[in-house]
Protein backbone atom coordinates (compact mmCIF):
# COMPACT_ATOMS: atom_id res chain seq x y z
CA UNK A 1 -0.37 0.04 0.09
CA UNK A 2 1.73 3.86 -0.67
CA UNK A 3 1.54 5.40 2.60
CA UNK A 4 2.47 8.76 0.18
CA UNK A 5 -1.71 9.48 -0.43
CA UNK A 6 -4.45 10.74 1.84
CA UNK A 7 -5.72 8.21 4.06
CA UNK A 8 -8.68 8.22 6.29
CA UNK A 9 -8.54 8.37 9.75
CA UNK A 10 -10.34 8.73 12.95
CA UNK A 11 -9.90 11.09 15.56
CA UNK A 12 -11.22 11.26 18.49
CA UNK A 13 -11.33 13.34 21.95
CA UNK A 14 -9.92 12.06 25.33
CA UNK A 15 -11.89 14.07 27.08
CA UNK A 16 -15.04 14.65 25.65
CA UNK A 17 -15.23 11.37 23.19
CA UNK A 18 -16.10 13.58 20.32
CA UNK A 19 -15.08 11.59 16.87
CA UNK A 20 -13.89 13.03 13.51
CA UNK A 21 -12.47 11.44 10.30
CA UNK A 22 -9.91 13.53 8.68
CA UNK A 23 -7.63 12.77 5.69
CA UNK A 24 -3.45 12.06 6.11
CA UNK A 25 -1.04 13.29 6.06
CA UNK A 26 -1.81 16.81 8.20
CA UNK A 27 0.81 19.10 9.99
CA UNK A 28 -0.82 18.79 13.40
CA UNK A 29 -3.80 16.81 14.43
CA UNK A 30 -6.79 18.87 14.82
CA UNK A 31 -8.38 20.39 18.04
CA UNK A 32 -11.56 19.66 18.92
CA UNK A 33 -14.47 22.14 18.22
CA UNK A 34 -16.19 21.39 21.45
CA UNK A 35 -13.54 21.55 24.44
CA UNK A 36 -10.49 23.00 22.27
CA UNK A 37 -8.53 19.58 23.60
CA UNK A 38 -6.11 18.37 21.11
CA UNK A 39 -7.53 15.03 19.59
CA UNK A 40 -6.18 11.45 19.31
CA UNK A 41 -5.73 9.05 16.71
CA UNK A 42 -8.43 6.33 17.48
CA UNK A 43 -8.66 4.15 13.88
CA UNK A 44 -6.67 3.95 10.96
CA UNK A 45 -9.70 3.55 7.95
CA UNK A 46 -7.76 2.49 5.10
CA UNK A 47 -8.63 -1.90 6.19
CA UNK A 48 -11.47 -1.92 3.74
CA UNK A 49 -14.02 -2.97 6.84
CA UNK A 50 -17.49 -4.27 6.17
CA UNK A 51 -20.06 -4.62 8.52
């Protein structure tokens, strides 16, 4: 898999659990719009899961 392209990841706020999907690579992880805490990567979404 080519890691140079944009890849979706789910980020989550460790304080209020707000979740967003962003595309890597990014310079910095976003801050939570709810409580302004730096968000953490929760899950890589490039695995082709089916529910």
